[in-house]
Amino acid sequence: MAAACPEQPEQPPECALRVAQVGKRYLDGDAPRWVLRNVSFNVRAGRTVALWGPSGTGKSTLLNLLGGIARPDAGEITFNDGDEALVVSAASQGRRTRYRRRHVGFVFQFFNLVPTLTVAENVLLPLELNGLAADREHALARLDELGLAHCRERFPATLSGGEQQRAAIARALGHGPRVLLADEPTGNLDAANARRVTALLWEQAERAGCALVVATHNESVAERADEVVSLAV
């Protein structure tokens, strides 16, 4: 398992996410089946953790727990925004929804862009949900940084896979999240686009000061992370 955030000589920054002995089970018939057991790691802003393992080891499930979509059956997940700590694993559904909308950005393997919205509208959607209209230009500027200035008014179906994933990264970061969760972000891309998107994802997360957690079975992606959490079958 990954080590805790390293000690610093003076006032170390709080870990954005603390994951302590987390487990998740599902019913297989009448019998419980654990897909995650005793997972522990910390990640602070500007650092990266890779969740490593083949399909079926609970990587996507763990991302859902970190994002407050589901609750663990054991252990604790705590988010720190610099002012107060939220125990995500114990929060109400409403509180977890607010945490997810305001503080979490998601990047998915299959992009999950809204097909009836333009690229610009997709990027601005999280801001509208959070009432952050004043940040529109800052959010749209990420499209320029990601080489998508010419795609603002186009619809997702007209973009290549690499362009769609870059648009998804712009959307995930548009509302200034503290935590960026990426689920197999290169799994639907060819090798060249996978390398480019990986580099851009790391660059953008570092520039935004996010805590980045990436679920992957791609060794080259995992090697870029500061810590690797290996999930056993």
Protein backbone atom coordinates (compact mmCIF):
# COMPACT_ATOMS: atom_id res chain seq x y z
CA MET A 1 0.00 0.00 0.00
CA ALA A 2 1.07 3.59 -0.53
CA ALA A 3 2.71 5.41 2.33
CA ALA A 4 1.12 8.32 4.14
CA CYS A 5 1.89 11.86 3.05
CA PRO A 6 5.57 12.40 3.89
CA GLU A 7 6.46 14.59 6.84
CA GLN A 8 7.76 18.07 6.07
CA PRO A 9 9.93 20.16 8.38
CA GLU A 10 7.36 22.94 8.80
CA GLN A 11 3.56 22.70 8.70
CA PRO A 12 3.07 19.96 6.08
CA PRO A 13 0.06 20.52 3.83
CA GLU A 14 -3.03 18.56 4.74
CA CYS A 15 -3.74 15.49 2.67
CA ALA A 16 -6.70 16.24 0.41
CA LEU A 17 -7.82 12.62 0.81
CA ARG A 18 -7.13 10.19 3.63
CA VAL A 19 -8.21 6.60 3.00
CA ALA A 20 -8.04 4.33 6.05
CA GLN A 21 -8.68 0.56 5.97
CA VAL A 22 -11.47 0.92 3.40
CA GLY A 23 -13.47 -2.10 2.30
CA LYS A 24 -16.49 -2.70 0.07
CA ARG A 25 -18.61 -5.82 -0.33
CA TYR A 26 -21.50 -6.94 -2.50
CA LEU A 27 -23.90 -9.83 -2.14
CA ASP A 28 -23.14 -12.82 -4.37
CA GLY A 29 -26.40 -14.69 -3.91
CA ASP A 30 -26.74 -14.83 -0.13
CA ALA A 31 -23.01 -14.60 0.52
CA PRO A 32 -21.07 -11.33 0.84
CA ARG A 33 -18.17 -10.89 -1.57
CA TRP A 34 -15.49 -8.33 -0.74
CA VAL A 35 -14.18 -6.45 -3.77
CA LEU A 36 -11.97 -4.20 -1.63
CA ARG A 37 -10.28 -4.93 1.70
CA ASN A 38 -8.12 -2.80 3.98
CA VAL A 39 -7.15 -0.16 1.40
CA SER A 40 -5.16 2.71 2.92
CA PHE A 41 -3.37 5.66 1.34
CA ASN A 42 -3.14 9.45 1.55
CA VAL A 43 -2.79 11.97 -1.26
CA ARG A 44 -2.27 15.69 -0.95
CA ALA A 45 -2.83 18.52 -3.42
CA GLY A 46 -0.40 18.44 -6.31
CA ARG A 47 0.41 14.75 -5.82
CA THR A 48 -0.72 11.63 -7.66
CA VAL A 49 -1.79 8.12 -6.66
CA ALA A 50 -2.27 5.34 -9.22
CA LEU A 51 -4.70 2.53 -8.38
CA TRP A 52 -3.06 -0.41 -10.10
CA GLY A 53 -4.52 -3.78 -10.97
CA PRO A 54 -6.31 -5.83 -13.63
CA SER A 55 -10.04 -5.69 -14.27
CA GLY A 56 -12.14 -6.91 -11.38
CA THR A 57 -9.89 -5.68 -8.57
CA GLY A 58 -12.19 -2.84 -7.51
CA LYS A 59 -10.45 0.18 -9.04
CA SER A 60 -13.65 1.79 -10.33
CA THR A 61 -15.46 0.89 -7.12
CA LEU A 62 -12.79 2.66 -5.10
CA LEU A 63 -13.06 5.79 -7.26
CA ASN A 64 -16.82 5.80 -6.64
CA LEU A 65 -16.14 5.66 -2.90
CA LEU A 66 -13.60 8.52 -3.12
CA GLY A 67 -16.11 10.60 -5.08
CA GLY A 68 -18.90 9.99 -2.60
CA ILE A 69 -21.05 8.12 -5.11
CA ALA A 70 -21.13 5.10 -2.79
CA ARG A 71 -20.21 4.39 0.81
CA PRO A 72 -17.65 1.84 2.00
CA ASP A 73 -18.69 -1.07 4.23
CA ALA A 74 -15.53 -0.70 6.30
CA GLY A 75 -12.99 2.01 7.00
CA GLU A 76 -13.06 5.76 6.52
CA ILE A 77 -12.49 8.32 3.75
CA THR A 78 -11.79 11.91 4.77
CA PHE A 79 -11.57 14.97 2.53
CA ASN A 80 -9.78 18.13 3.66
CA ASP A 81 -10.41 21.40 1.83
CA GLY A 82 -8.01 23.47 3.94
CA ASP A 83 -10.72 24.81 6.25
CA GLU A 84 -12.45 21.74 7.59
CA ALA A 85 -12.42 17.98 7.20
CA LEU A 86 -15.38 16.03 5.84
CA VAL A 87 -15.71 12.33 6.58
CA VAL A 88 -17.08 11.45 3.16
CA SER A 89 -17.75 7.85 4.11
CA ALA A 90 -20.13 8.92 6.91
CA ALA A 91 -21.78 11.95 5.25
CA SER A 92 -25.42 12.08 4.18
CA GLN A 93 -26.31 11.61 0.52
CA GLY A 94 -27.02 15.34 0.16
CA ARG A 95 -23.69 16.32 1.72
CA ARG A 96 -21.83 13.84 -0.48
CA THR A 97 -23.56 15.28 -3.57
CA ARG A 98 -22.44 18.81 -2.61
CA TYR A 99 -18.91 17.56 -1.97
CA ARG A 100 -18.82 15.82 -5.35
CA ARG A 101 -20.19 18.79 -7.29
CA ARG A 102 -17.91 21.35 -5.69
CA HIS A 103 -14.67 19.54 -4.93
CA VAL A 104 -14.38 16.54 -7.28
CA GLY A 105 -13.68 16.28 -11.00
CA PHE A 106 -14.16 13.01 -12.93
CA VAL A 107 -12.45 11.79 -16.11
CA PHE A 108 -13.86 8.56 -17.55
CA GLN A 109 -12.57 5.95 -20.00
CA PHE A 110 -15.48 6.55 -22.39
CA PHE A 111 -15.42 10.35 -21.96
CA ASN A 112 -19.09 10.70 -20.82
CA LEU A 113 -19.54 14.02 -22.59
CA VAL A 114 -23.17 15.09 -23.04
CA PRO A 115 -23.78 14.47 -26.77
CA THR A 116 -26.40 17.21 -27.19
CA LEU A 117 -24.11 19.92 -25.77
CA THR A 118 -21.20 21.58 -27.54
CA VAL A 119 -17.70 21.18 -26.13
CA ALA A 120 -17.92 24.62 -24.50
CA GLU A 121 -21.31 23.79 -22.98
CA ASN A 122 -19.94 20.52 -21.62
CA VAL A 123 -17.07 22.36 -19.95
CA LEU A 124 -19.39 24.96 -18.44
CA LEU A 125 -21.94 22.45 -17.12
CA PRO A 126 -20.22 21.86 -13.73
CA LEU A 127 -19.99 25.62 -13.19
CA GLU A 128 -23.72 26.01 -13.78
CA LEU A 129 -24.44 23.22 -11.27
CA ASN A 130 -22.26 25.02 -8.71
CA GLY A 131 -23.41 28.57 -9.41
CA LEU A 132 -19.93 29.63 -10.54
CA ALA A 133 -20.82 31.64 -13.64
CA ALA A 134 -18.08 34.16 -12.85
CA ASP A 135 -15.45 31.51 -13.64
CA ARG A 136 -16.66 30.88 -17.20
CA GLU A 137 -13.67 32.39 -19.00
CA HIS A 138 -11.20 30.65 -16.73
CA ALA A 139 -12.88 27.31 -17.45
CA LEU A 140 -13.01 27.89 -21.20
CA ALA A 141 -9.35 28.90 -21.20
CA ARG A 142 -8.52 25.27 -20.39
CA LEU A 143 -9.76 24.33 -23.86
CA ASP A 144 -7.11 26.62 -25.31
CA GLU A 145 -4.43 25.09 -23.04
CA LEU A 146 -5.47 21.62 -24.19
CA GLY A 147 -5.36 22.53 -27.89
CA LEU A 148 -9.13 22.61 -28.34
CA ALA A 149 -9.80 26.30 -29.04
CA HIS A 150 -11.10 25.36 -32.49
CA CYS A 151 -13.54 22.82 -31.03
CA ARG A 152 -15.54 25.04 -28.69
CA GLU A 153 -18.74 25.04 -30.77
CA ARG A 154 -18.49 21.48 -32.03
CA PHE A 155 -20.42 18.50 -30.69
CA PRO A 156 -18.61 15.51 -29.11
CA ALA A 157 -19.52 13.12 -31.93
CA THR A 158 -17.48 15.21 -34.39
CA LEU A 159 -14.27 14.90 -32.32
CA SER A 160 -11.60 12.22 -32.33
CA GLY A 161 -11.15 10.04 -29.25
CA GLY A 162 -8.14 12.04 -28.11
CA GLU A 163 -10.01 15.32 -28.56
CA GLN A 164 -12.98 14.00 -26.60
CA GLN A 165 -10.76 12.94 -23.71
CA ARG A 166 -9.03 16.32 -23.66
CA ALA A 167 -12.46 17.97 -23.58
CA ALA A 168 -13.38 15.69 -20.67
CA ILE A 169 -10.25 16.80 -18.79
CA ALA A 170 -11.18 20.45 -19.38
CA ARG A 171 -14.68 19.78 -18.05
CA ALA A 172 -13.35 17.92 -15.00
CA LEU A 173 -11.10 20.84 -14.04
CA GLY A 174 -13.37 23.74 -15.02
CA HIS A 175 -14.92 24.27 -11.58
CA GLY A 176 -11.60 24.20 -9.71
CA PRO A 177 -11.87 20.85 -7.90
CA ARG A 178 -9.50 19.82 -5.10
CA VAL A 179 -9.66 16.16 -6.15
CA LEU A 180 -9.42 14.78 -9.70
CA LEU A 181 -10.47 11.14 -10.23
CA ALA A 182 -9.61 9.44 -13.53
CA ASP A 183 -10.95 5.98 -14.38
CA GLU A 184 -8.81 4.27 -17.05
CA PRO A 185 -8.46 7.62 -18.88
CA THR A 186 -6.36 6.11 -21.69
CA GLY A 187 -8.22 2.81 -22.00
CA ASN A 188 -10.18 3.87 -25.10
CA LEU A 189 -7.31 5.59 -26.92
CA ASP A 190 -4.60 4.49 -29.32
CA ALA A 191 -1.00 4.50 -28.06
CA ALA A 192 -0.10 7.95 -29.41
CA ASN A 193 -3.21 9.63 -27.99
CA ALA A 194 -2.79 7.73 -24.71
CA ARG A 195 0.70 9.19 -24.22
CA ARG A 196 -0.48 12.70 -25.09
CA VAL A 197 -3.56 12.57 -22.87
CA THR A 198 -1.56 11.16 -19.94
CA ALA A 199 0.98 13.98 -20.20
CA LEU A 200 -1.77 16.60 -20.43
CA LEU A 201 -3.71 15.10 -17.52
CA TRP A 202 -0.66 15.25 -15.26
CA GLU A 203 0.27 18.73 -16.45
CA GLN A 204 -3.22 20.13 -15.93
CA ALA A 205 -3.67 18.51 -12.50
CA GLU A 206 -0.32 19.86 -11.34
CA ARG A 207 -1.13 23.33 -12.64
CA ALA A 208 -4.49 23.26 -10.84
CA GLY A 209 -2.95 21.90 -7.63
CA CYS A 210 -5.32 18.91 -7.55
CA ALA A 211 -4.92 15.64 -5.74
CA LEU A 212 -5.01 13.22 -8.69
CA VAL A 213 -6.11 9.58 -8.31
CA VAL A 214 -5.91 7.46 -11.47
CA ALA A 215 -7.29 3.94 -11.85
CA THR A 216 -5.29 2.08 -14.50
CA HIS A 217 -3.91 -1.23 -15.65
CA ASN A 218 -1.49 0.59 -17.98
CA GLU A 219 2.02 0.27 -16.57
CA SER A 220 3.32 3.43 -18.27
CA VAL A 221 0.50 5.47 -16.69
CA ALA A 222 1.11 4.00 -13.23
CA GLU A 223 4.84 4.76 -13.46
CA ARG A 224 4.11 8.50 -13.63
CA ALA A 225 2.39 8.52 -10.23
CA ASP A 226 4.03 9.57 -6.97
CA GLU A 227 2.52 6.53 -5.24
CA VAL A 228 1.07 3.27 -6.54
CA VAL A 229 -1.65 1.40 -4.63
CA SER A 230 -1.74 -2.18 -5.85
CA LEU A 231 -5.18 -3.83 -5.64
CA ALA A 232 -5.02 -7.62 -5.48
CA VAL A 233 -7.54 -9.92 -7.13
